[in-house]
Amino acid sequence: MEGPALLAEALSWPSIPDKFGNMWQYHSRSDRHSKVACWGVLYDLLAESNTLRRHVGEGKVSFGVNHEMSDFHTRRKKNLDLVICRPGTPVTAGRPPRNFAELASHFGVRLTPNQRERLLDLPELREAPVGSVLVALEAKACMTEHGKARPRLYDELSSSHLTVHGANDAAIAVGLVMINAAESFISTDRNKWDLSQHEAVVNIHNQPAATEIVVEKINELRVRTRPGSEGFDALGIVTVDCHNNGSPVTVVYGPPAVDPQDDLHYDQMVRRVAHLYDTQFAGL
């Protein structure tokens, strides 16, 4: 699977400006990391699911970015980072639709020659107005102050699967969490000045405990095994080492990252989504 490495490579390049003249790899007010993470999931899913590739080639499915879904029971509304969907009614106004390959450069995904060749070998997946949602992806991050972040992560992710299935119980709700296992981190919230003129305030993490308590909290999220019940259909974790100081970001494969056989491992998540798509939407 390529998604975690693509995410780490994209985050290695400071590209998010703030009003103080700094360029950040990760910014708490930016959704760039979420978009890159979801792009990587779809990139891997297209390789893993023959059924999805066939549907793309036949023009039966498209994608949407920042799609607002509404829970019909509670009227709760939520924007999902990326959805795979049946195309809706075309619109004449607005920006021209993009294709999936174009999103790579738009989101700042840096592909190797082999990855780009693999992308170009895939059938063209185009953006379109969203009809019915088939797969809904949301990505969240816990980069620092892990203990404080746990309740927020849990609540935001819980509202995600409730909204997706409140809108369409047949949709596959997917959640992905990026957890930072670095021992230190420069937070944008604590460094609101020009870092070329003022020394950075650095957060120190008690690792591996900080990562482990977030994994424990993510394990409390519901994952459903049948339609009609509450929970994500697939849930995964990517663990990275990111200091947010301009140094390269790397994927953490050993502890405290989840084991490759764990249901929360990224690869297992993608395989589960592919299996669900192949079985639920084969007759699309």
Protein backbone atom coordinates (compact mmCIF):
# COMPACT_ATOMS: atom_id res chain seq x y z
CA MET A 1 0.00 0.00 0.00
CA GLU A 2 1.30 3.44 -0.95
CA GLY A 3 -0.93 5.82 1.03
CA PRO A 4 1.10 6.20 4.26
CA ALA A 5 4.36 6.85 2.38
CA LEU A 6 2.63 9.37 0.10
CA LEU A 7 1.26 11.17 3.15
CA ALA A 8 4.66 11.30 4.86
CA GLU A 9 6.38 12.54 1.70
CA ALA A 10 3.80 15.29 1.17
CA LEU A 11 4.13 16.45 4.78
CA SER A 12 7.91 16.54 4.52
CA TRP A 13 7.66 19.70 2.41
CA PRO A 14 6.65 22.91 4.24
CA SER A 15 3.89 24.38 2.09
CA ILE A 16 1.29 25.91 4.42
CA PRO A 17 1.87 29.64 5.06
CA ASP A 18 0.68 31.54 8.10
CA LYS A 19 0.18 35.28 8.62
CA PHE A 20 3.54 35.59 10.40
CA GLY A 21 5.58 34.53 7.35
CA ASN A 22 6.23 30.93 8.42
CA MET A 23 5.81 27.88 6.21
CA TRP A 24 4.51 24.78 7.94
CA GLN A 25 4.47 21.09 7.18
CA TYR A 26 1.38 20.61 9.34
CA HIS A 27 -1.03 23.34 10.42
CA SER A 28 -3.95 22.66 12.75
CA ARG A 29 -6.20 25.01 10.75
CA SER A 30 -5.39 23.41 7.39
CA ASP A 31 -7.07 20.35 5.90
CA ARG A 32 -4.20 19.58 3.53
CA HIS A 33 -3.13 16.49 5.49
CA SER A 34 -6.70 15.13 5.37
CA LYS A 35 -6.97 15.62 1.63
CA VAL A 36 -3.60 13.96 0.96
CA ALA A 37 -4.49 11.06 3.27
CA CYS A 38 -7.82 10.45 1.54
CA TRP A 39 -6.22 10.75 -1.91
CA GLY A 40 -3.80 8.01 -0.89
CA VAL A 41 -6.63 5.77 0.34
CA LEU A 42 -8.45 6.09 -2.98
CA TYR A 43 -5.20 5.49 -4.89
CA ASP A 44 -4.71 2.21 -3.00
CA LEU A 45 -8.38 1.29 -3.21
CA LEU A 46 -8.37 1.61 -7.00
CA ALA A 47 -5.50 -0.86 -7.10
CA GLU A 48 -7.14 -3.25 -4.63
CA SER A 49 -10.70 -3.42 -6.00
CA ASN A 50 -11.29 -4.83 -9.48
CA THR A 51 -14.97 -3.92 -9.18
CA LEU A 52 -14.23 -0.26 -8.46
CA ARG A 53 -11.80 -0.05 -11.40
CA ARG A 54 -14.44 -1.57 -13.67
CA HIS A 55 -17.07 0.89 -12.49
CA VAL A 56 -14.68 3.80 -13.05
CA GLY A 57 -13.86 2.55 -16.55
CA GLU A 58 -17.57 2.23 -17.35
CA GLY A 59 -18.26 5.75 -16.08
CA LYS A 60 -20.63 4.51 -13.37
CA VAL A 61 -18.89 6.25 -10.47
CA SER A 62 -17.21 9.58 -9.83
CA PHE A 63 -15.82 11.40 -6.81
CA GLY A 64 -16.61 14.51 -4.78
CA VAL A 65 -14.43 16.62 -2.47
CA ASN A 66 -15.71 18.30 0.71
CA HIS A 67 -19.15 16.86 0.11
CA GLU A 68 -21.78 17.88 2.65
CA MET A 69 -23.87 14.98 3.93
CA SER A 70 -26.96 15.38 6.10
CA ASP A 71 -28.28 12.95 8.69
CA PHE A 72 -31.99 12.69 7.91
CA HIS A 73 -32.77 11.72 11.52
CA THR A 74 -31.03 14.55 13.38
CA ARG A 75 -30.48 17.08 10.55
CA ARG A 76 -26.78 16.99 11.47
CA LYS A 77 -24.60 18.16 8.56
CA LYS A 78 -20.96 17.33 7.99
CA ASN A 79 -18.45 17.82 5.17
CA LEU A 80 -16.68 14.60 4.19
CA ASP A 81 -13.16 14.92 2.81
CA LEU A 82 -13.69 12.64 -0.19
CA VAL A 83 -16.57 10.50 -1.46
CA ILE A 84 -16.97 7.92 -4.18
CA CYS A 85 -20.43 8.30 -5.65
CA ARG A 86 -22.87 7.82 -8.48
CA PRO A 87 -22.76 10.97 -10.63
CA GLY A 88 -25.54 13.45 -9.90
CA THR A 89 -27.26 16.00 -12.10
CA PRO A 90 -24.67 18.01 -14.08
CA VAL A 91 -24.34 21.70 -13.30
CA THR A 92 -23.41 24.39 -15.80
CA ALA A 93 -21.98 26.94 -13.37
CA GLY A 94 -18.87 26.73 -11.20
CA ARG A 95 -15.34 25.54 -11.81
CA PRO A 96 -14.63 22.77 -14.34
CA PRO A 97 -14.60 19.27 -12.82
CA ARG A 98 -11.18 17.74 -12.12
CA ASN A 99 -9.98 14.18 -12.48
CA PHE A 100 -8.35 12.11 -9.77
CA ALA A 101 -4.87 12.40 -11.27
CA GLU A 102 -5.12 16.22 -11.32
CA LEU A 103 -5.91 16.23 -7.60
CA ALA A 104 -2.44 14.85 -6.87
CA SER A 105 -0.72 18.09 -7.85
CA HIS A 106 -3.56 20.19 -6.39
CA PHE A 107 -3.14 18.54 -2.97
CA GLY A 108 0.67 18.48 -3.14
CA VAL A 109 1.05 14.70 -3.49
CA ARG A 110 4.58 13.90 -4.69
CA LEU A 111 4.67 10.73 -6.77
CA THR A 112 7.68 8.67 -7.75
CA PRO A 113 7.98 7.79 -11.46
CA ASN A 114 6.64 4.29 -10.72
CA GLN A 115 3.70 5.67 -8.73
CA ARG A 116 2.87 8.15 -11.48
CA GLU A 117 3.01 5.39 -14.09
CA ARG A 118 0.67 3.29 -11.97
CA LEU A 119 -1.69 6.26 -11.63
CA LEU A 120 -1.78 6.84 -15.38
CA ASP A 121 -2.54 3.15 -15.94
CA LEU A 122 -5.75 3.47 -13.91
CA PRO A 123 -9.03 4.33 -15.67
CA GLU A 124 -9.86 8.02 -15.47
CA LEU A 125 -11.90 8.86 -12.37
CA ARG A 126 -13.62 12.22 -12.71
CA GLU A 127 -15.12 14.68 -10.26
CA ALA A 128 -18.87 15.21 -10.62
CA PRO A 129 -21.88 16.48 -8.70
CA VAL A 130 -22.63 13.88 -6.05
CA GLY A 131 -25.64 11.66 -6.61
CA SER A 132 -25.77 8.76 -4.14
CA VAL A 133 -22.68 8.23 -1.96
CA LEU A 134 -21.08 4.79 -2.11
CA VAL A 135 -17.94 5.37 -0.02
CA ALA A 136 -17.33 8.32 2.33
CA LEU A 137 -13.81 9.03 3.62
CA GLU A 138 -12.82 11.25 6.52
CA ALA A 139 -9.28 11.69 7.87
CA LYS A 140 -8.28 13.20 11.22
CA ALA A 141 -4.93 13.85 12.86
CA CYS A 142 -3.50 13.83 16.38
CA MET A 143 -0.11 15.51 16.16
CA THR A 144 0.51 16.91 19.67
CA GLU A 145 -1.08 17.19 23.13
CA HIS A 146 -2.34 13.66 22.63
CA GLY A 147 -4.24 13.43 25.89
CA LYS A 148 -6.27 16.57 25.21
CA ALA A 149 -6.94 15.54 21.61
CA ARG A 150 -8.53 12.18 22.39
CA PRO A 151 -12.08 13.37 23.23
CA ARG A 152 -12.17 15.66 20.19
CA LEU A 153 -11.02 12.89 17.88
CA TYR A 154 -13.58 10.48 19.27
CA ASP A 155 -16.46 12.94 18.99
CA GLU A 156 -15.58 14.15 15.48
CA LEU A 157 -15.15 10.64 14.13
CA SER A 158 -18.32 9.38 15.81
CA SER A 159 -20.33 12.19 14.24
CA SER A 160 -18.82 11.24 10.87
CA HIS A 161 -20.14 7.68 10.69
CA LEU A 162 -23.47 8.71 12.23
CA THR A 163 -23.92 11.37 9.54
CA VAL A 164 -22.87 9.09 6.68
CA HIS A 165 -25.24 6.29 7.67
CA GLY A 166 -27.96 8.75 8.66
CA ALA A 167 -27.86 9.93 5.05
CA ASN A 168 -27.39 6.52 3.41
CA ASP A 169 -27.18 3.33 5.43
CA ALA A 170 -25.75 1.45 2.44
CA ALA A 171 -22.74 3.79 2.12
CA ILE A 172 -19.34 2.55 3.29
CA ALA A 173 -18.10 4.91 6.03
CA VAL A 174 -14.32 5.02 6.34
CA GLY A 175 -12.27 6.77 9.01
CA LEU A 176 -8.51 7.29 9.01
CA VAL A 177 -6.47 8.72 11.89
CA MET A 178 -2.88 9.98 11.62
CA ILE A 179 -1.06 9.84 14.97
CA ASN A 180 2.26 11.53 15.57
CA ALA A 181 4.81 9.36 17.40
CA ALA A 182 7.58 11.99 17.39
CA GLU A 183 9.11 12.88 20.75
CA SER A 184 8.78 16.62 20.05
CA PHE A 185 6.61 18.89 17.92
CA ILE A 186 6.41 22.58 17.04
CA SER A 187 2.76 23.54 17.26
CA THR A 188 1.28 26.33 15.15
CA ASP A 189 -1.04 27.20 18.04
CA ARG A 190 1.89 27.93 20.37
CA ASN A 191 4.13 29.73 17.86
CA LYS A 192 2.19 32.71 16.57
CA TRP A 193 5.15 34.82 15.50
CA ASP A 194 7.90 34.93 12.88
CA LEU A 195 10.12 31.95 13.73
CA SER A 196 13.05 33.59 11.96
CA GLN A 197 12.94 36.29 14.65
CA HIS A 198 11.81 34.31 17.70
CA GLU A 199 12.81 30.91 19.05
CA ALA A 200 10.16 28.21 18.68
CA VAL A 201 8.22 26.80 21.63
CA VAL A 202 8.59 23.02 21.38
CA ASN A 203 6.08 20.53 22.76
CA ILE A 204 7.67 17.43 24.30
CA HIS A 205 5.78 14.14 24.04
CA ASN A 206 5.99 11.21 26.43
CA GLN A 207 6.43 8.50 23.83
CA PRO A 208 5.40 5.77 23.23
CA ALA A 209 2.69 6.34 25.86
CA ALA A 210 1.27 9.40 24.05
CA THR A 211 0.65 7.41 20.88
CA GLU A 212 -0.63 4.36 22.75
CA ILE A 213 -3.39 6.26 24.59
CA VAL A 214 -4.70 7.64 21.29
CA VAL A 215 -4.72 4.15 19.74
CA GLU A 216 -6.68 2.96 22.79
CA LYS A 217 -9.25 5.73 22.26
CA ILE A 218 -9.62 4.96 18.55
CA ASN A 219 -10.23 1.33 19.51
CA GLU A 220 -13.31 2.50 21.41
CA LEU A 221 -14.98 3.75 18.22
CA ARG A 222 -17.75 1.56 16.92
CA VAL A 223 -17.12 -0.55 13.83
CA ARG A 224 -20.20 -2.22 12.41
CA THR A 225 -20.43 -5.70 10.92
CA ARG A 226 -23.85 -5.41 9.30
CA PRO A 227 -26.04 -2.72 7.74
CA GLY A 228 -28.52 -1.02 10.01
CA SER A 229 -26.17 -0.74 12.98
CA GLU A 230 -23.96 2.13 14.14
CA GLY A 231 -20.27 2.43 13.44
CA PHE A 232 -17.61 2.77 10.79
CA ASP A 233 -17.44 0.13 8.11
CA ALA A 234 -13.65 0.46 8.10
CA LEU A 235 -11.27 2.31 10.38
CA GLY A 236 -7.49 2.70 10.15
CA ILE A 237 -4.47 4.34 11.74
CA VAL A 238 -1.28 5.70 10.17
CA THR A 239 1.55 6.50 12.60
CA VAL A 240 4.15 9.07 11.58
CA ASP A 241 7.21 10.76 13.01
CA CYS A 242 6.73 14.50 12.43
CA HIS A 243 8.53 17.24 14.38
CA ASN A 244 7.04 20.05 12.21
CA ASN A 245 10.44 21.73 12.11
CA GLY A 246 11.24 21.16 8.44
CA SER A 247 12.85 17.75 8.94
CA PRO A 248 11.58 14.80 6.86
CA VAL A 249 8.39 13.09 8.00
CA THR A 250 8.55 9.30 8.12
CA VAL A 251 6.07 6.48 8.56
CA VAL A 252 6.44 4.52 11.80
CA TYR A 253 6.05 0.81 11.08
CA GLY A 254 7.08 -0.73 14.41
CA PRO A 255 5.70 -0.07 17.92
CA PRO A 256 3.90 2.08 18.94
CA ALA A 257 2.24 1.76 15.51
CA VAL A 258 -0.46 -0.89 15.30
CA ASP A 259 0.58 -4.37 14.22
CA PRO A 260 0.12 -5.24 10.51
CA GLN A 261 -2.40 -7.93 11.51
CA ASP A 262 -4.44 -5.49 13.62
CA ASP A 263 -7.82 -4.52 12.17
CA LEU A 264 -6.81 -0.85 12.59
CA HIS A 265 -3.72 -1.19 10.40
CA TYR A 266 -3.93 0.93 7.23
CA ASP A 267 -3.50 -2.03 4.88
CA GLN A 268 -6.26 -3.99 6.62
CA MET A 269 -8.54 -0.96 6.38
CA VAL A 270 -8.06 -0.65 2.61
CA ARG A 271 -8.58 -4.39 2.09
CA ARG A 272 -11.79 -4.25 4.10
CA VAL A 273 -13.14 -1.32 2.07
CA ALA A 274 -12.27 -3.13 -1.17
CA HIS A 275 -14.03 -6.29 0.00
CA LEU A 276 -17.12 -4.38 1.09
CA TYR A 277 -17.25 -2.46 -2.18
CA ASP A 278 -16.83 -5.65 -4.23
CA THR A 279 -19.61 -7.45 -2.36
CA GLN A 280 -22.10 -4.59 -1.86
CA PHE A 281 -21.84 -2.87 -5.24
CA ALA A 282 -20.98 -5.69 -7.64
CA GLY A 283 -24.28 -5.28 -9.43
CA LEU A 284 -24.06 -1.51 -9.83
